[in-house]
Amino acid sequence: MNKKWIFTSLCVLGMAAQTAIADTKIGVVNPDRILRESAAAIEAQKKLEKEFSSREKSLSISAKTLKADVEKFQKRASKMNKTERIAAERKLADSERQLKRRERELREDLNRRRNEELQNILMRSNDVIRAIAEEEKYDLILQEAVYVGPNADITDKVIKRLGK
């Protein structure tokens, strides 16, 4: 008797859970696509390029100048005395260290700014996702999944709304 009651209870619970799952509306968003394809992401990329272009050009000019100085040194090194050669080598080494430092600082600043922009886009996209979830009565919205059917993927909706 106990076994029949337990079996019946499990069957009823299983059907109730299946009904609850069947009524659940689930959506999935691909944040990588949002960060690549949205108008906000494209605008942020252009903004960063504009913001850092002068520093990149300056570094490029400095690198070309250093290369030219190294070539001049290599041509004249055999004609220099030891003291002149050592002084020129030190000057070139200092110039190379300064160039590498400036390159590292540029990379760090660019990465910091890129992360700030991406974080801003993700925050805005989360607001858009919440609005879509409330308007369309989603019970659950996930970010990323192994497989997403076309009916569950709402990434395009999010990208369109971010563009507004």
C-alpha atoms as a PDB file:
ATOM      1  CA  MET A   1       0.000   0.000   0.000  1.00  0.00           C
ATOM      2  CA  ASN A   2       2.795   2.372   0.937  1.00  0.00           C
ATOM      3  CA  LYS A   3       4.640   1.595  -2.301  1.00  0.00           C
ATOM      4  CA  LYS A   4       1.555   2.354  -4.393  1.00  0.00           C
ATOM      5  CA  TRP A   5       1.024   5.628  -2.570  1.00  0.00           C
ATOM      6  CA  ILE A   6       4.682   6.671  -3.067  1.00  0.00           C
ATOM      7  CA  PHE A   7       4.566   5.665  -6.743  1.00  0.00           C
ATOM      8  CA  THR A   8       1.355   7.637  -7.285  1.00  0.00           C
ATOM      9  CA  SER A   9       2.796  10.659  -5.500  1.00  0.00           C
ATOM     10  CA  LEU A  10       5.933  10.577  -7.642  1.00  0.00           C
ATOM     11  CA  CYS A  11       3.853  10.323 -10.832  1.00  0.00           C
ATOM     12  CA  VAL A  12       1.731  13.302  -9.808  1.00  0.00           C
ATOM     13  CA  LEU A  13       4.832  15.352  -8.911  1.00  0.00           C
ATOM     14  CA  GLY A  14       6.481  14.401 -12.196  1.00  0.00           C
ATOM     15  CA  MET A  15       3.459  15.526 -14.208  1.00  0.00           C
ATOM     16  CA  ALA A  16       3.251  18.768 -12.252  1.00  0.00           C
ATOM     17  CA  ALA A  17       6.949  19.471 -12.863  1.00  0.00           C
ATOM     18  CA  GLN A  18       6.575  18.662 -16.559  1.00  0.00           C
ATOM     19  CA  THR A  19       3.631  21.044 -16.822  1.00  0.00           C
ATOM     20  CA  ALA A  20       5.590  23.778 -15.040  1.00  0.00           C
ATOM     21  CA  ILE A  21       8.548  23.308 -17.366  1.00  0.00           C
ATOM     22  CA  ALA A  22       6.339  23.288 -20.442  1.00  0.00           C
ATOM     23  CA  ASP A  23       4.811  26.631 -19.404  1.00  0.00           C
ATOM     24  CA  THR A  24       8.210  28.231 -18.769  1.00  0.00           C
ATOM     25  CA  LYS A  25       9.308  30.735 -21.401  1.00  0.00           C
ATOM     26  CA  ILE A  26      13.079  30.740 -21.809  1.00  0.00           C
ATOM     27  CA  GLY A  27      15.271  33.038 -23.889  1.00  0.00           C
ATOM     28  CA  VAL A  28      18.993  33.036 -24.568  1.00  0.00           C
ATOM     29  CA  VAL A  29      21.297  35.951 -25.367  1.00  0.00           C
ATOM     30  CA  ASN A  30      24.794  35.773 -26.856  1.00  0.00           C
ATOM     31  CA  PRO A  31      26.791  38.594 -25.215  1.00  0.00           C
ATOM     32  CA  ASP A  32      29.731  38.123 -27.613  1.00  0.00           C
ATOM     33  CA  ARG A  33      27.481  38.933 -30.572  1.00  0.00           C
ATOM     34  CA  ILE A  34      26.165  41.976 -28.756  1.00  0.00           C
ATOM     35  CA  LEU A  35      29.716  43.204 -28.145  1.00  0.00           C
ATOM     36  CA  ARG A  36      30.637  42.608 -31.800  1.00  0.00           C
ATOM     37  CA  GLU A  37      27.542  43.507 -33.796  1.00  0.00           C
ATOM     38  CA  SER A  38      25.555  46.100 -31.888  1.00  0.00           C
ATOM     39  CA  ALA A  39      25.590  49.731 -32.958  1.00  0.00           C
ATOM     40  CA  ALA A  40      26.778  50.650 -29.462  1.00  0.00           C
ATOM     41  CA  ALA A  41      29.794  48.338 -29.785  1.00  0.00           C
ATOM     42  CA  ILE A  42      30.699  49.655 -33.225  1.00  0.00           C
ATOM     43  CA  GLU A  43      30.362  53.229 -31.975  1.00  0.00           C
ATOM     44  CA  ALA A  44      32.551  52.448 -28.949  1.00  0.00           C
ATOM     45  CA  GLN A  45      35.224  50.936 -31.199  1.00  0.00           C
ATOM     46  CA  LYS A  46      35.278  54.062 -33.386  1.00  0.00           C
ATOM     47  CA  LYS A  47      35.424  56.249 -30.300  1.00  0.00           C
ATOM     48  CA  LEU A  48      38.428  54.319 -28.963  1.00  0.00           C
ATOM     49  CA  GLU A  49      40.208  54.437 -32.314  1.00  0.00           C
ATOM     50  CA  LYS A  50      39.729  58.190 -32.457  1.00  0.00           C
ATOM     51  CA  GLU A  51      40.798  58.635 -28.837  1.00  0.00           C
ATOM     52  CA  PHE A  52      44.038  56.662 -29.220  1.00  0.00           C
ATOM     53  CA  SER A  53      44.983  57.340 -32.850  1.00  0.00           C
ATOM     54  CA  SER A  54      47.288  60.291 -32.086  1.00  0.00           C
ATOM     55  CA  ARG A  55      49.248  58.295 -29.499  1.00  0.00           C
ATOM     56  CA  GLU A  56      49.526  55.336 -31.893  1.00  0.00           C
ATOM     57  CA  LYS A  57      50.809  57.625 -34.657  1.00  0.00           C
ATOM     58  CA  SER A  58      53.302  59.199 -32.288  1.00  0.00           C
ATOM     59  CA  LEU A  59      54.574  55.749 -31.273  1.00  0.00           C
ATOM     60  CA  SER A  60      54.854  54.704 -34.897  1.00  0.00           C
ATOM     61  CA  ILE A  61      56.922  57.790 -35.714  1.00  0.00           C
ATOM     62  CA  SER A  62      59.153  57.175 -32.663  1.00  0.00           C
ATOM     63  CA  ALA A  63      59.662  53.536 -33.698  1.00  0.00           C
ATOM     64  CA  LYS A  64      60.683  54.583 -37.228  1.00  0.00           C
ATOM     65  CA  THR A  65      63.048  57.197 -35.825  1.00  0.00           C
ATOM     66  CA  LEU A  66      64.619  54.653 -33.486  1.00  0.00           C
ATOM     67  CA  LYS A  67      65.042  52.183 -36.344  1.00  0.00           C
ATOM     68  CA  ALA A  68      66.733  54.852 -38.461  1.00  0.00           C
ATOM     69  CA  ASP A  69      69.014  55.778 -35.546  1.00  0.00           C
ATOM     70  CA  VAL A  70      69.977  52.120 -35.064  1.00  0.00           C
ATOM     71  CA  GLU A  71      70.802  51.806 -38.772  1.00  0.00           C
ATOM     72  CA  LYS A  72      72.940  54.965 -38.640  1.00  0.00           C
ATOM     73  CA  PHE A  73      74.727  53.642 -35.575  1.00  0.00           C
ATOM     74  CA  GLN A  74      75.418  50.292 -37.246  1.00  0.00           C
ATOM     75  CA  LYS A  75      76.942  52.052 -40.266  1.00  0.00           C
ATOM     76  CA  ARG A  76      79.116  54.367 -38.152  1.00  0.00           C
ATOM     77  CA  ALA A  77      79.958  51.996 -35.276  1.00  0.00           C
ATOM     78  CA  SER A  78      83.124  50.681 -36.870  1.00  0.00           C
ATOM     79  CA  LYS A  79      84.473  54.241 -37.268  1.00  0.00           C
ATOM     80  CA  MET A  80      83.694  55.319 -33.693  1.00  0.00           C
ATOM     81  CA  ASN A  81      86.056  55.084 -30.804  1.00  0.00           C
ATOM     82  CA  LYS A  82      85.071  52.966 -27.819  1.00  0.00           C
ATOM     83  CA  THR A  83      83.742  55.857 -25.707  1.00  0.00           C
ATOM     84  CA  GLU A  84      81.569  57.236 -28.507  1.00  0.00           C
ATOM     85  CA  ARG A  85      80.239  53.771 -29.320  1.00  0.00           C
ATOM     86  CA  ILE A  86      79.324  53.065 -25.678  1.00  0.00           C
ATOM     87  CA  ALA A  87      77.594  56.452 -25.350  1.00  0.00           C
ATOM     88  CA  ALA A  88      75.651  55.879 -28.581  1.00  0.00           C
ATOM     89  CA  GLU A  89      74.647  52.363 -27.473  1.00  0.00           C
ATOM     90  CA  ARG A  90      73.383  53.726 -24.144  1.00  0.00           C
ATOM     91  CA  LYS A  91      71.431  56.456 -25.892  1.00  0.00           C
ATOM     92  CA  LEU A  92      69.820  53.901 -28.231  1.00  0.00           C
ATOM     93  CA  ALA A  93      69.055  51.559 -25.321  1.00  0.00           C
ATOM     94  CA  ASP A  94      67.416  54.432 -23.407  1.00  0.00           C
ATOM     95  CA  SER A  95      65.374  55.372 -26.461  1.00  0.00           C
ATOM     96  CA  GLU A  96      64.259  51.758 -26.889  1.00  0.00           C
ATOM     97  CA  ARG A  97      63.272  51.484 -23.209  1.00  0.00           C
ATOM     98  CA  GLN A  98      61.266  54.712 -23.438  1.00  0.00           C
ATOM     99  CA  LEU A  99      59.532  53.479 -26.590  1.00  0.00           C
ATOM    100  CA  LYS A 100      58.641  50.144 -24.969  1.00  0.00           C
ATOM    101  CA  ARG A 101      57.368  51.945 -21.868  1.00  0.00           C
ATOM    102  CA  ARG A 102      55.174  54.228 -23.990  1.00  0.00           C
ATOM    103  CA  GLU A 103      53.857  51.205 -25.936  1.00  0.00           C
ATOM    104  CA  ARG A 104      53.041  49.363 -22.696  1.00  0.00           C
ATOM    105  CA  GLU A 105      51.288  52.436 -21.271  1.00  0.00           C
ATOM    106  CA  LEU A 106      49.279  52.801 -24.470  1.00  0.00           C
ATOM    107  CA  ARG A 107      48.214  49.132 -24.366  1.00  0.00           C
ATOM    108  CA  GLU A 108      47.251  49.429 -20.688  1.00  0.00           C
ATOM    109  CA  ASP A 109      45.272  52.625 -21.259  1.00  0.00           C
ATOM    110  CA  LEU A 110      43.571  51.184 -24.335  1.00  0.00           C
ATOM    111  CA  ASN A 111      42.636  47.977 -22.513  1.00  0.00           C
ATOM    112  CA  ARG A 112      41.317  49.931 -19.538  1.00  0.00           C
ATOM    113  CA  ARG A 113      39.186  52.177 -21.759  1.00  0.00           C
ATOM    114  CA  ARG A 114      37.981  49.207 -23.859  1.00  0.00           C
ATOM    115  CA  ASN A 115      36.912  47.393 -20.688  1.00  0.00           C
ATOM    116  CA  GLU A 116      35.058  50.511 -19.508  1.00  0.00           C
ATOM    117  CA  GLU A 117      33.225  50.787 -22.829  1.00  0.00           C
ATOM    118  CA  LEU A 118      32.376  47.066 -22.925  1.00  0.00           C
ATOM    119  CA  GLN A 119      31.131  47.189 -19.347  1.00  0.00           C
ATOM    120  CA  ASN A 120      28.911  50.145 -20.254  1.00  0.00           C
ATOM    121  CA  ILE A 121      27.481  48.236 -23.241  1.00  0.00           C
ATOM    122  CA  LEU A 122      26.856  45.143 -21.117  1.00  0.00           C
ATOM    123  CA  MET A 123      25.058  47.198 -18.473  1.00  0.00           C
ATOM    124  CA  ARG A 124      22.878  48.809 -21.134  1.00  0.00           C
ATOM    125  CA  SER A 125      22.200  45.417 -22.743  1.00  0.00           C
ATOM    126  CA  ASN A 126      21.171  43.975 -19.358  1.00  0.00           C
ATOM    127  CA  ASP A 127      18.620  46.786 -19.020  1.00  0.00           C
ATOM    128  CA  VAL A 128      17.322  46.002 -22.509  1.00  0.00           C
ATOM    129  CA  ILE A 129      17.162  42.276 -21.692  1.00  0.00           C
ATOM    130  CA  ARG A 130      15.171  42.983 -18.538  1.00  0.00           C
ATOM    131  CA  ALA A 131      12.749  45.168 -20.512  1.00  0.00           C
ATOM    132  CA  ILE A 132      12.266  42.451 -23.139  1.00  0.00           C
ATOM    133  CA  ALA A 133      11.773  39.853 -20.407  1.00  0.00           C
ATOM    134  CA  GLU A 134       9.055  41.935 -18.750  1.00  0.00           C
ATOM    135  CA  GLU A 135       7.306  42.900 -21.987  1.00  0.00           C
ATOM    136  CA  GLU A 136       7.298  39.423 -23.501  1.00  0.00           C
ATOM    137  CA  LYS A 137       6.748  37.560 -20.206  1.00  0.00           C
ATOM    138  CA  TYR A 138       9.962  35.519 -20.143  1.00  0.00           C
ATOM    139  CA  ASP A 139      10.516  33.401 -17.046  1.00  0.00           C
ATOM    140  CA  LEU A 140      14.225  32.926 -17.639  1.00  0.00           C
ATOM    141  CA  ILE A 141      16.841  34.511 -19.895  1.00  0.00           C
ATOM    142  CA  LEU A 142      20.287  32.952 -20.050  1.00  0.00           C
ATOM    143  CA  GLN A 143      23.509  34.358 -21.393  1.00  0.00           C
ATOM    144  CA  GLU A 144      25.246  31.795 -23.584  1.00  0.00           C
ATOM    145  CA  ALA A 145      24.353  28.149 -24.007  1.00  0.00           C
ATOM    146  CA  VAL A 146      25.792  25.130 -25.778  1.00  0.00           C
ATOM    147  CA  TYR A 147      22.838  24.984 -28.148  1.00  0.00           C
ATOM    148  CA  VAL A 148      20.148  27.564 -28.770  1.00  0.00           C
ATOM    149  CA  GLY A 149      17.174  27.033 -31.039  1.00  0.00           C
ATOM    150  CA  PRO A 150      16.067  29.953 -33.194  1.00  0.00           C
ATOM    151  CA  ASN A 151      12.904  30.442 -31.137  1.00  0.00           C
ATOM    152  CA  ALA A 152      14.836  30.910 -27.892  1.00  0.00           C
ATOM    153  CA  ASP A 153      17.577  33.241 -29.221  1.00  0.00           C
ATOM    154  CA  ILE A 154      16.667  36.865 -28.506  1.00  0.00           C
ATOM    155  CA  THR A 155      20.091  38.339 -29.292  1.00  0.00           C
ATOM    156  CA  ASP A 156      18.839  40.086 -32.433  1.00  0.00           C
ATOM    157  CA  LYS A 157      16.082  41.819 -30.449  1.00  0.00           C
ATOM    158  CA  VAL A 158      18.632  43.059 -27.932  1.00  0.00           C
ATOM    159  CA  ILE A 159      20.986  44.301 -30.673  1.00  0.00           C
ATOM    160  CA  LYS A 160      18.145  46.194 -32.393  1.00  0.00           C
ATOM    161  CA  ARG A 161      17.028  47.825 -29.153  1.00  0.00           C
ATOM    162  CA  LEU A 162      20.575  48.838 -28.249  1.00  0.00           C
ATOM    163  CA  GLY A 163      20.786  50.641 -31.590  1.00  0.00           C
ATOM    164  CA  LYS A 164      17.866  52.897 -30.700  1.00  0.00           C
END
